[in-house]
Amino acid sequence: MNGQTGYIFNGSTPFGEQREAGWPNAAAVRLPVRAQRRAIALLGLALAVAVAPAYAQPAAAPGASEQPKIVLTLRGSNTIGQELAPRLAQGFLTYSGASEAAIVRDPANPEDATIVGKRAGQTEAIFVAAHGSATAFKGLGSKSAGEEADIGMASRKIKPEERTLLMPLGDLTNAASEHVVGLDGIAVIVHPDNPIPSMTMQQLSDLFSGKVRDWGDKSIGGTAGHINLYARDNKSGTFDTFDTLALKGAKLAADAKRFEDSEALSAAVARDPNGIGFIGLPYVGESKTLAIAAPGSTPIRPNRLTVATEDYALARRLYLYTPANAANPLVRRFVDYALSPAGQALVEQVGFVALTIQGTAPASQAAKAAVPADAPPAYLALTKDAERLSTDFRFRLNSSELDPRGVRDLTRLAEYLASHKIAPARVVLVGFGDNIGLPNATVKVSEERAKAVAAILRQDGIVVGQTAGFGAAMPIAPNDSEDGRGKNRRVEVFVKP
């Protein structure tokens, strides 16, 4: 090392961390499509690695003189680990100077992947084991060889009991440990010929708990026929999120067909005229998606804007969890790469929604879908002809502090305004809240949320043009749970013409 240092993300990260010289600027790294295809074409060649059963380390490559050096291990969510994490690992190895980076899978263990590349004359590998979000936190806390994880992948937020158990690693809900890498919408899917256009959360609960068994039931209004249920397995973060948001304490019907593989579930529903299932947004395939309505809200269909802003009732965050002070220096570098423009481009390519801020034209179908029919007239007037940006600021539980995504979105918003040459005076921040308290009080609190975000932006020289608050209006989630109230406590961002 020559003692020089550099910064990631065009000068610095949102937290100002430095890293060693020799690691290129992540913003400048974009693996060309030809290189991606070439890397994929290398699967099964001399770099192939035989991956042993779950939690085992990869064996030596056939014909290789030494076993690849495992430099990083990721465990957890199937949704993240099936394709996104291997693609990020492949890009990261290339970004770090490795050549011939390739994703290798063992047909006997399709949930595992070994991503290998050559660097400084040595074959290095990143191991990804995708057996469900629960295994992310088990792996982070494990000291057993073959079970431990440097990075946990989760398609749900860490549970309070998991946070408590892993407190020796630091508070995993802080920005230093909880990293939103992308967004996903849990799509409710039916056969393409099913006439039902939308459902409420209550209807979803009734169907998947087995309370309603026939499409012709008067509460559903479809064509008569037995309802066939398709669901992810219990280890899946997809099921855990659906269980929390839709079933809400009800038990999944015993006759539901369970799947560990997302694509297999989607294909089964597409073949079944009486089928209904739930799946991550990238895996919809040939099935039809339904618009979903939270209690008291208009049905919203999942699309890039409604998922990015988390307005869609079944939108969710995809997380990487890391120890606050990881012993492995590659942990922080991998996360930085995943959140960089290069990493976020891969998030988008895989089919998830990247965190990159985008504007949505007010006349577009996506923008119209995000505005409920009962929106206050003052809100419609304020946002008339304005672009809705694909981020809503939210806050930590019972706190006025922004949550980890919000902290990073401050930087993303500043970069978006600068790159599009948008005067800050054109920015409008609109606050909302839950229904706890008197109406006038909730309006005041929502105004304070918008002003709090404006004050933070002002510290970076961004003076927004206007702030407003609309209290408990336009809820996007039920207010009967802390998670629901947390989603409703938000600040929307608009840019006026």
Protein backbone atom coordinates (compact mmCIF):
# COMPACT_ATOMS: atom_id res chain seq x y z
CA MET A 1 0.00 0.00 0.00
CA ASN A 2 1.17 3.50 -0.72
CA GLY A 3 -0.69 5.17 2.10
CA GLN A 4 -3.06 7.05 -0.19
CA THR A 5 -6.75 7.08 0.47
CA GLY A 6 -9.80 7.67 -1.65
CA TYR A 7 -13.51 8.11 -1.26
CA ILE A 8 -16.46 6.20 -2.61
CA PHE A 9 -19.46 7.83 -4.30
CA ASN A 10 -17.92 10.81 -6.10
CA GLY A 11 -15.92 12.11 -3.19
CA SER A 12 -17.47 10.64 -0.06
CA THR A 13 -20.12 8.35 1.27
CA PRO A 14 -23.04 9.85 3.21
CA PHE A 15 -21.01 9.13 6.34
CA GLY A 16 -17.60 10.22 5.03
CA GLU A 17 -15.81 6.89 5.31
CA GLN A 18 -12.46 6.52 3.61
CA ARG A 19 -11.14 3.37 2.02
CA GLU A 20 -7.81 2.08 0.86
CA ALA A 21 -6.32 3.19 -2.42
CA GLY A 22 -6.51 0.69 -5.23
CA TRP A 23 -10.27 0.25 -4.91
CA PRO A 24 -11.76 2.19 -7.84
CA ASN A 25 -14.59 4.68 -7.49
CA ALA A 26 -17.79 2.62 -7.47
CA ALA A 27 -19.67 5.31 -9.39
CA ALA A 28 -17.33 4.81 -12.33
CA VAL A 29 -17.67 1.04 -12.49
CA ARG A 30 -20.31 -0.39 -14.81
CA LEU A 31 -19.73 -3.92 -16.10
CA PRO A 32 -20.41 -3.83 -19.86
CA VAL A 33 -23.18 -6.07 -21.16
CA ARG A 34 -20.66 -7.99 -23.29
CA ALA A 35 -18.51 -8.59 -20.22
CA GLN A 36 -21.54 -9.73 -18.22
CA ARG A 37 -22.47 -12.22 -20.93
CA ARG A 38 -18.89 -13.44 -21.16
CA ALA A 39 -18.78 -13.95 -17.39
CA ILE A 40 -22.02 -15.90 -17.46
CA ALA A 41 -20.69 -17.99 -20.35
CA LEU A 42 -17.81 -19.09 -18.14
CA LEU A 43 -20.16 -21.10 -15.92
CA GLY A 44 -19.13 -24.70 -15.75
CA LEU A 45 -15.60 -24.11 -17.07
CA ALA A 46 -12.32 -24.57 -15.23
CA LEU A 47 -13.38 -22.19 -12.45
CA ALA A 48 -16.39 -24.32 -11.56
CA VAL A 49 -16.79 -25.00 -7.89
CA ALA A 50 -18.65 -27.93 -6.41
CA VAL A 51 -20.83 -26.59 -3.62
CA ALA A 52 -21.57 -29.08 -0.85
CA PRO A 53 -24.97 -29.29 0.90
CA ALA A 54 -26.43 -26.31 2.73
CA TYR A 55 -23.99 -24.39 4.92
CA ALA A 56 -20.95 -26.28 3.63
CA GLN A 57 -18.06 -24.43 2.04
CA PRO A 58 -17.29 -24.89 -1.69
CA ALA A 59 -14.93 -27.67 -2.74
CA ALA A 60 -11.91 -27.14 -4.92
CA ALA A 61 -12.53 -26.46 -8.60
CA PRO A 62 -12.03 -29.49 -10.84
CA GLY A 63 -8.42 -29.53 -12.01
CA ALA A 64 -7.46 -26.68 -9.69
CA SER A 65 -4.32 -26.92 -7.58
CA GLU A 66 -5.90 -25.18 -4.59
CA GLN A 67 -9.26 -24.52 -3.05
CA PRO A 68 -10.63 -21.02 -3.81
CA LYS A 69 -10.19 -18.57 -0.98
CA ILE A 70 -13.60 -17.59 0.41
CA VAL A 71 -13.31 -13.86 1.03
CA LEU A 72 -16.96 -13.13 1.89
CA THR A 73 -20.07 -15.12 2.87
CA LEU A 74 -23.67 -13.97 2.50
CA ARG A 75 -26.63 -15.90 3.94
CA GLY A 76 -30.35 -15.30 4.07
CA SER A 77 -33.23 -14.29 1.84
CA ASN A 78 -34.03 -16.41 -1.19
CA THR A 79 -35.49 -13.31 -2.86
CA ILE A 80 -32.12 -11.53 -2.66
CA GLY A 81 -29.90 -14.57 -2.89
CA GLN A 82 -31.46 -16.20 -5.92
CA GLU A 83 -30.08 -13.72 -8.45
CA LEU A 84 -29.39 -10.27 -7.02
CA ALA A 85 -26.69 -11.19 -4.49
CA PRO A 86 -24.74 -13.37 -6.97
CA ARG A 87 -24.87 -10.60 -9.58
CA LEU A 88 -23.68 -8.05 -7.01
CA ALA A 89 -20.91 -10.41 -5.93
CA GLN A 90 -19.83 -10.90 -9.53
CA GLY A 91 -19.75 -7.15 -10.10
CA PHE A 92 -17.93 -6.58 -6.82
CA LEU A 93 -15.17 -9.05 -7.68
CA THR A 94 -14.69 -7.34 -11.04
CA TYR A 95 -14.75 -3.95 -9.31
CA SER A 96 -12.03 -5.16 -6.92
CA GLY A 97 -9.73 -6.14 -9.76
CA ALA A 98 -10.61 -9.82 -10.20
CA SER A 99 -10.69 -11.29 -13.69
CA GLU A 100 -13.05 -13.84 -15.20
CA ALA A 101 -15.61 -13.39 -12.42
CA ALA A 102 -18.34 -16.00 -12.82
CA ILE A 103 -21.39 -17.33 -10.97
CA VAL A 104 -21.25 -21.08 -10.37
CA ARG A 105 -24.11 -23.19 -9.05
CA ASP A 106 -24.30 -26.80 -7.97
CA PRO A 107 -27.45 -28.40 -9.47
CA ALA A 108 -27.82 -30.44 -6.30
CA ASN A 109 -28.01 -27.24 -4.19
CA PRO A 110 -29.67 -24.55 -6.37
CA GLU A 111 -30.16 -22.19 -3.42
CA ASP A 112 -26.38 -21.80 -3.07
CA ALA A 113 -24.01 -20.00 -5.41
CA THR A 114 -20.25 -19.55 -5.47
CA ILE A 115 -18.96 -16.51 -7.32
CA VAL A 116 -15.32 -16.96 -8.30
CA GLY A 117 -12.65 -14.82 -9.90
CA LYS A 118 -8.87 -14.54 -10.15
CA ARG A 119 -7.00 -11.73 -8.44
CA ALA A 120 -3.27 -11.38 -7.80
CA GLY A 121 -2.68 -14.95 -8.97
CA GLN A 122 -5.20 -16.44 -6.56
CA THR A 123 -8.73 -17.71 -7.08
CA GLU A 124 -11.08 -15.86 -4.72
CA ALA A 125 -14.72 -16.64 -4.07
CA ILE A 126 -17.83 -15.16 -2.51
CA PHE A 127 -20.30 -17.73 -1.15
CA VAL A 128 -24.06 -16.99 -1.23
CA ALA A 129 -26.50 -19.28 0.62
CA ALA A 130 -30.16 -18.35 0.07
CA HIS A 131 -32.29 -20.36 2.52
CA GLY A 132 -34.62 -17.67 3.88
CA SER A 133 -34.36 -14.42 5.83
CA ALA A 134 -34.28 -16.15 9.21
CA THR A 135 -30.96 -17.74 8.28
CA ALA A 136 -29.43 -14.27 7.79
CA PHE A 137 -29.59 -13.52 11.49
CA LYS A 138 -28.70 -17.04 12.49
CA GLY A 139 -25.60 -16.74 10.32
CA LEU A 140 -24.59 -13.34 11.69
CA GLY A 141 -24.72 -14.72 15.21
CA SER A 142 -23.07 -18.06 14.47
CA LYS A 143 -19.50 -18.94 15.42
CA SER A 144 -19.65 -22.37 13.77
CA ALA A 145 -17.59 -22.96 10.65
CA GLY A 146 -19.82 -23.40 7.63
CA GLU A 147 -22.77 -21.59 9.24
CA GLU A 148 -21.45 -18.09 9.84
CA ALA A 149 -22.26 -15.06 7.66
CA ASP A 150 -20.35 -11.84 7.06
CA ILE A 151 -23.48 -10.23 5.60
CA GLY A 152 -27.10 -11.17 6.24
CA MET A 153 -29.67 -10.86 3.44
CA ALA A 154 -33.27 -10.22 4.52
CA SER A 155 -36.44 -9.36 2.67
CA ARG A 156 -37.97 -8.15 5.92
CA LYS A 157 -36.83 -5.94 8.75
CA ILE A 158 -34.98 -7.55 11.62
CA LYS A 159 -37.35 -8.68 14.39
CA PRO A 160 -37.04 -7.24 17.92
CA GLU A 161 -35.95 -10.58 19.36
CA GLU A 162 -33.30 -10.99 16.64
CA ARG A 163 -32.05 -7.47 17.27
CA THR A 164 -31.73 -8.22 21.00
CA LEU A 165 -29.95 -11.51 20.40
CA LEU A 166 -27.42 -9.86 18.05
CA MET A 167 -26.81 -6.76 20.18
CA PRO A 168 -23.16 -7.84 20.73
CA LEU A 169 -22.68 -6.93 17.05
CA GLY A 170 -24.15 -3.46 17.63
CA ASP A 171 -27.67 -2.12 17.10
CA LEU A 172 -28.54 -3.66 13.74
CA THR A 173 -31.32 -1.10 13.16
CA ASN A 174 -28.81 1.76 12.93
CA ALA A 175 -27.63 3.16 9.61
CA ALA A 176 -24.19 1.60 10.10
CA SER A 177 -25.71 -1.91 10.11
CA GLU A 178 -29.07 -1.79 8.31
CA HIS A 179 -28.72 -1.16 4.57
CA VAL A 180 -31.69 -1.01 2.20
CA VAL A 181 -30.24 -2.37 -1.05
CA GLY A 182 -33.42 -2.21 -3.12
CA LEU A 183 -37.18 -2.47 -3.06
CA ASP A 184 -39.62 -5.17 -4.00
CA GLY A 185 -43.35 -5.44 -4.30
CA ILE A 186 -45.04 -8.65 -3.21
CA ALA A 187 -47.38 -9.13 -6.14
CA VAL A 188 -50.62 -11.03 -5.69
CA ILE A 189 -50.98 -13.11 -8.83
CA VAL A 190 -53.80 -14.99 -10.53
CA HIS A 191 -54.32 -16.73 -13.85
CA PRO A 192 -54.36 -14.24 -16.79
CA ASP A 193 -58.06 -15.02 -17.48
CA ASN A 194 -59.22 -14.36 -13.90
CA PRO A 195 -61.71 -11.42 -14.08
CA ILE A 196 -61.00 -10.08 -10.58
CA PRO A 197 -59.12 -6.71 -10.91
CA SER A 198 -58.34 -5.96 -7.26
CA MET A 199 -58.63 -7.09 -3.66
CA THR A 200 -58.57 -5.59 -0.22
CA MET A 201 -56.17 -6.76 2.44
CA GLN A 202 -59.14 -8.32 4.26
CA GLN A 203 -60.09 -10.32 1.18
CA LEU A 204 -56.51 -11.57 0.91
CA SER A 205 -56.61 -12.68 4.53
CA ASP A 206 -59.95 -14.45 4.02
CA LEU A 207 -58.73 -16.30 0.92
CA PHE A 208 -55.31 -17.38 2.17
CA SER A 209 -56.59 -18.41 5.61
CA GLY A 210 -59.20 -20.64 3.96
CA LYS A 211 -62.16 -18.66 5.29
CA VAL A 212 -63.33 -18.13 1.70
CA ARG A 213 -62.97 -21.19 -0.52
CA ASP A 214 -64.76 -20.32 -3.77
CA TRP A 215 -64.21 -17.55 -6.32
CA GLY A 216 -67.99 -17.21 -6.60
CA ASP A 217 -68.35 -16.20 -2.93
CA LYS A 218 -70.31 -12.95 -2.67
CA SER A 219 -67.41 -11.29 -0.84
CA ILE A 220 -65.18 -11.86 -3.89
CA GLY A 221 -67.58 -11.66 -6.82
CA GLY A 222 -65.68 -13.89 -9.24
CA THR A 223 -66.58 -16.89 -11.35
CA ALA A 224 -67.52 -19.96 -9.33
CA GLY A 225 -64.67 -22.40 -8.76
CA HIS A 226 -62.58 -23.76 -5.89
CA ILE A 227 -59.75 -21.38 -4.91
CA ASN A 228 -56.33 -23.02 -5.16
CA LEU A 229 -53.74 -21.36 -2.95
CA TYR A 230 -50.02 -21.11 -3.70
CA ALA A 231 -47.58 -19.80 -1.07
CA ARG A 232 -43.88 -19.53 -0.32
CA ASP A 233 -42.29 -21.72 2.35
CA ASN A 234 -42.01 -20.73 6.01
CA LYS A 235 -38.31 -19.83 5.77
CA SER A 236 -38.99 -17.26 3.08
CA GLY A 237 -38.96 -13.54 3.81
CA THR A 238 -41.69 -13.28 1.18
CA PHE A 239 -43.98 -15.46 3.29
CA ASP A 240 -42.98 -13.71 6.49
CA THR A 241 -43.87 -10.32 5.01
CA PHE A 242 -47.16 -11.58 3.54
CA ASP A 243 -47.99 -13.26 6.85
CA THR A 244 -47.40 -9.98 8.69
CA LEU A 245 -49.06 -7.60 6.22
CA ALA A 246 -51.92 -9.70 4.85
CA LEU A 247 -52.71 -12.64 7.14
CA LYS A 248 -52.11 -10.57 10.30
CA GLY A 249 -52.39 -13.41 12.79
CA ALA A 250 -54.58 -15.74 10.73
CA LYS A 251 -53.08 -19.11 9.82
CA LEU A 252 -52.31 -20.00 6.24
CA ALA A 253 -54.76 -22.63 5.00
CA ALA A 254 -53.36 -26.13 5.43
CA ASP A 255 -54.08 -27.08 1.83
CA ALA A 256 -51.98 -24.25 0.36
CA LYS A 257 -49.25 -25.57 -1.93
CA ARG A 258 -45.87 -24.43 -0.65
CA PHE A 259 -42.83 -23.51 -2.74
CA GLU A 260 -39.21 -22.71 -1.94
CA ASP A 261 -38.60 -21.49 -5.50
CA SER A 262 -40.24 -18.22 -6.58
CA GLU A 263 -40.29 -18.94 -10.31
CA ALA A 264 -41.87 -22.36 -9.81
CA LEU A 265 -44.71 -20.82 -7.80
CA SER A 266 -45.41 -18.20 -10.46
CA ALA A 267 -45.42 -20.78 -13.24
CA ALA A 268 -47.87 -22.97 -11.30
CA VAL A 269 -50.34 -20.10 -10.84
CA ALA A 270 -50.09 -19.15 -14.52
CA ARG A 271 -51.23 -22.70 -15.39
CA ASP A 272 -54.14 -22.79 -12.92
CA PRO A 273 -57.35 -20.85 -13.81
CA ASN A 274 -58.45 -21.09 -10.16
CA GLY A 275 -55.05 -20.32 -8.66
CA ILE A 276 -53.90 -17.37 -6.59
CA GLY A 277 -50.49 -16.81 -5.04
CA PHE A 278 -48.05 -14.18 -3.88
CA ILE A 279 -44.56 -13.60 -5.17
CA GLY A 280 -41.75 -11.06 -5.42
CA LEU A 281 -42.36 -8.50 -8.19
CA PRO A 282 -39.57 -9.78 -10.51
CA TYR A 283 -41.12 -13.26 -10.62
CA VAL A 284 -44.62 -12.43 -11.89
CA GLY A 285 -43.93 -14.10 -15.23
CA GLU A 286 -47.08 -14.96 -17.22
CA SER A 287 -49.47 -14.41 -14.30
CA LYS A 288 -51.74 -11.40 -13.78
CA THR A 289 -51.18 -8.99 -10.88
CA LEU A 290 -54.02 -7.63 -8.75
CA ALA A 291 -54.32 -4.08 -7.40
CA ILE A 292 -54.34 -4.19 -3.59
CA ALA A 293 -56.09 -1.83 -1.18
CA ALA A 294 -55.05 -1.24 2.41
CA PRO A 295 -57.96 -0.47 4.79
CA GLY A 296 -59.41 2.92 3.94
CA SER A 297 -57.32 3.37 0.80
CA THR A 298 -57.71 3.04 -2.97
CA PRO A 299 -56.49 -0.18 -4.63
CA ILE A 300 -52.96 0.30 -5.99
CA ARG A 301 -51.22 -1.94 -8.49
CA PRO A 302 -47.49 -2.56 -7.98
CA ASN A 303 -45.25 -0.55 -10.33
CA ARG A 304 -41.89 1.16 -10.03
CA LEU A 305 -43.22 4.38 -8.45
CA THR A 306 -45.69 2.82 -6.01
CA VAL A 307 -43.06 0.32 -4.85
CA ALA A 308 -40.23 2.89 -4.68
CA THR A 309 -42.29 5.27 -2.54
CA GLU A 310 -43.68 2.29 -0.58
CA ASP A 311 -47.24 3.47 -1.26
CA TYR A 312 -48.21 0.01 -2.49
CA ALA A 313 -49.69 -1.99 0.37
CA LEU A 314 -47.38 -4.97 -0.14
CA ALA A 315 -44.18 -3.08 -0.95
CA ARG A 316 -41.15 -4.09 1.04
CA ARG A 317 -37.51 -3.24 1.51
CA LEU A 318 -34.65 -5.60 0.73
CA TYR A 319 -31.96 -5.43 3.39
CA LEU A 320 -28.32 -6.22 3.90
CA TYR A 321 -27.41 -6.46 7.59
CA THR A 322 -23.85 -6.14 8.83
CA PRO A 323 -22.09 -5.89 12.20
CA ALA A 324 -21.50 -2.29 13.22
CA ASN A 325 -17.74 -2.91 13.22
CA ALA A 326 -17.20 -5.86 10.93
CA ALA A 327 -13.85 -7.58 11.26
CA ASN A 328 -13.80 -8.41 7.55
CA PRO A 329 -12.94 -5.18 5.68
CA LEU A 330 -14.71 -6.45 2.56
CA VAL A 331 -18.08 -6.22 4.31
CA ARG A 332 -18.21 -2.44 4.17
CA ARG A 333 -16.75 -2.36 0.67
CA PHE A 334 -19.36 -4.80 -0.61
CA VAL A 335 -22.20 -2.76 0.88
CA ASP A 336 -20.75 0.45 -0.58
CA TYR A 337 -20.58 -1.21 -3.97
CA ALA A 338 -24.17 -2.51 -3.71
CA LEU A 339 -25.42 1.02 -2.94
CA SER A 340 -23.30 2.70 -5.62
CA PRO A 341 -24.65 3.56 -9.09
CA ALA A 342 -23.00 0.40 -10.44
CA GLY A 343 -24.65 -1.79 -7.81
CA GLN A 344 -28.03 -0.11 -8.16
CA ALA A 345 -27.89 -0.67 -11.93
CA LEU A 346 -27.67 -4.40 -11.17
CA VAL A 347 -30.63 -4.13 -8.77
CA GLU A 348 -32.67 -2.69 -11.63
CA GLN A 349 -31.41 -5.25 -14.16
CA VAL A 350 -32.45 -8.14 -11.94
CA GLY A 351 -36.00 -6.75 -11.82
CA PHE A 352 -36.20 -5.10 -8.42
CA VAL A 353 -36.68 -1.38 -7.90
CA ALA A 354 -33.41 0.50 -7.42
CA LEU A 355 -33.01 3.28 -4.88
CA THR A 356 -31.94 5.69 -7.62
CA ILE A 357 -34.29 8.66 -7.48
CA GLN A 358 -36.39 9.26 -10.58
CA GLY A 359 -39.08 11.75 -11.49
CA THR A 360 -42.51 10.60 -12.65
CA ALA A 361 -44.51 12.82 -15.00
CA PRO A 362 -47.84 13.89 -13.46
CA ALA A 363 -49.80 12.67 -16.50
CA SER A 364 -48.30 9.15 -16.40
CA GLN A 365 -50.34 6.13 -15.37
CA ALA A 366 -47.87 5.39 -12.58
CA ALA A 367 -48.31 8.87 -11.08
CA LYS A 368 -52.09 8.72 -11.37
CA ALA A 369 -52.13 5.31 -9.69
CA ALA A 370 -50.37 6.79 -6.66
CA VAL A 371 -53.05 9.46 -6.04
CA PRO A 372 -56.16 8.17 -4.26
CA ALA A 373 -59.63 9.31 -5.30
CA ASP A 374 -60.22 10.92 -1.89
CA ALA A 375 -57.06 13.07 -1.93
CA PRO A 376 -57.67 16.47 -0.27
CA PRO A 377 -58.36 19.28 -2.78
CA ALA A 378 -55.53 21.32 -1.23
CA TYR A 379 -53.12 18.43 -1.90
CA LEU A 380 -54.24 18.18 -5.52
CA ALA A 381 -53.82 21.93 -5.98
CA LEU A 382 -50.38 21.94 -4.36
CA THR A 383 -49.05 19.10 -6.47
CA LYS A 384 -50.78 20.00 -9.74
CA ASP A 385 -48.42 19.57 -12.71
CA ALA A 386 -45.59 18.62 -10.33
CA GLU A 387 -43.31 15.61 -10.78
CA ARG A 388 -43.48 13.03 -7.99
CA LEU A 389 -40.01 11.79 -7.05
CA SER A 390 -39.51 8.12 -6.28
CA THR A 391 -38.70 8.49 -2.61
CA ASP A 392 -40.67 9.15 0.55
CA PHE A 393 -38.74 10.05 3.69
CA ARG A 394 -39.64 8.00 6.73
CA PHE A 395 -38.49 7.95 10.33
CA ARG A 396 -37.10 5.60 12.94
CA LEU A 397 -39.61 4.05 15.32
CA ASN A 398 -40.89 6.60 17.85
CA SER A 399 -38.28 9.11 16.72
CA SER A 400 -37.92 12.30 14.72
CA GLU A 401 -34.73 10.89 13.17
CA LEU A 402 -34.78 9.66 9.60
CA ASP A 403 -34.53 5.91 9.15
CA PRO A 404 -31.46 4.40 7.43
CA ARG A 405 -32.98 4.64 3.95
CA GLY A 406 -33.94 8.25 4.59
CA VAL A 407 -30.40 9.13 5.67
CA ARG A 408 -29.00 7.90 2.38
CA ASP A 409 -31.87 9.37 0.35
CA LEU A 410 -30.82 12.84 1.49
CA THR A 411 -27.63 12.40 -0.52
CA ARG A 412 -29.49 10.81 -3.43
CA LEU A 413 -31.94 13.73 -3.54
CA ALA A 414 -29.13 16.29 -3.52
CA GLU A 415 -27.40 14.44 -6.36
CA TYR A 416 -30.65 14.19 -8.34
CA LEU A 417 -31.34 17.92 -8.06
CA ALA A 418 -27.78 18.78 -9.05
CA SER A 419 -27.59 16.37 -11.99
CA HIS A 420 -30.94 17.56 -13.38
CA LYS A 421 -30.14 21.22 -12.70
CA ILE A 422 -33.30 21.63 -10.61
CA ALA A 423 -33.48 24.76 -8.48
CA PRO A 424 -34.23 23.80 -4.85
CA ALA A 425 -36.96 26.44 -4.78
CA ARG A 426 -39.02 24.15 -7.04
CA VAL A 427 -39.03 21.36 -4.44
CA VAL A 428 -42.16 20.77 -2.36
CA LEU A 429 -42.13 18.53 0.73
CA VAL A 430 -45.51 17.15 1.82
CA GLY A 431 -45.86 15.49 5.22
CA PHE A 432 -48.38 12.89 6.41
CA GLY A 433 -48.96 11.03 9.65
CA ASP A 434 -51.03 8.44 11.46
CA ASN A 435 -54.45 8.95 13.05
CA ILE A 436 -53.26 9.03 16.65
CA GLY A 437 -54.48 12.26 18.26
CA LEU A 438 -56.84 15.08 17.32
CA PRO A 439 -57.02 16.04 13.62
CA ASN A 440 -55.47 19.48 14.12
CA ALA A 441 -52.61 17.94 16.10
CA THR A 442 -51.88 15.32 13.42
CA VAL A 443 -51.77 18.04 10.75
CA LYS A 444 -49.29 20.03 12.82
CA VAL A 445 -47.08 16.97 13.40
CA SER A 446 -47.09 16.14 9.68
CA GLU A 447 -46.07 19.73 8.89
CA GLU A 448 -43.21 19.42 11.38
CA ARG A 449 -42.01 16.26 9.66
CA ALA A 450 -41.81 18.08 6.33
CA LYS A 451 -40.03 20.99 7.98
CA ALA A 452 -37.58 18.61 9.69
CA VAL A 453 -36.53 17.17 6.32
CA ALA A 454 -36.28 20.69 4.90
CA ALA A 455 -34.02 21.72 7.79
CA ILE A 456 -31.65 18.81 7.17
CA LEU A 457 -31.48 19.64 3.46
CA ARG A 458 -30.81 23.28 4.34
CA GLN A 459 -27.64 22.18 6.14
CA ASP A 460 -26.37 21.03 2.72
CA GLY A 461 -27.34 24.31 1.08
CA ILE A 462 -30.63 23.05 -0.36
CA VAL A 463 -33.44 25.48 0.53
CA VAL A 464 -36.73 23.94 -0.60
CA GLY A 465 -39.53 26.11 -1.89
CA GLN A 466 -42.45 24.89 0.19
CA THR A 467 -43.53 22.51 2.93
CA ALA A 468 -47.02 21.36 3.89
CA GLY A 469 -48.76 18.76 6.02
CA PHE A 470 -52.02 16.86 5.63
CA GLY A 471 -52.17 14.87 8.85
CA ALA A 472 -53.78 11.44 8.66
CA ALA A 473 -55.15 11.96 5.14
CA MET A 474 -54.34 9.47 2.37
CA PRO A 475 -53.22 6.51 4.51
CA ILE A 476 -51.27 3.89 2.59
CA ALA A 477 -51.33 1.34 5.42
CA PRO A 478 -53.68 0.51 8.30
CA ASN A 479 -53.09 2.51 11.46
CA ASP A 480 -53.77 -0.44 13.75
CA SER A 481 -50.12 -1.52 13.94
CA GLU A 482 -46.81 0.22 14.56
CA ASP A 483 -45.55 -0.89 11.15
CA GLY A 484 -48.61 0.58 9.45
CA ARG A 485 -48.38 3.85 11.35
CA GLY A 486 -44.69 4.00 10.47
CA LYS A 487 -45.48 3.77 6.75
CA ASN A 488 -48.08 6.54 7.04
CA ARG A 489 -45.59 8.88 8.78
CA ARG A 490 -43.90 10.01 5.60
CA VAL A 491 -42.75 13.03 3.62
CA GLU A 492 -43.44 12.98 -0.12
CA VAL A 493 -41.20 14.90 -2.53
CA PHE A 494 -42.40 16.85 -5.57
CA VAL A 495 -40.74 19.10 -8.11
CA LYS A 496 -42.84 21.92 -9.53
CA PRO A 497 -42.43 23.02 -13.16
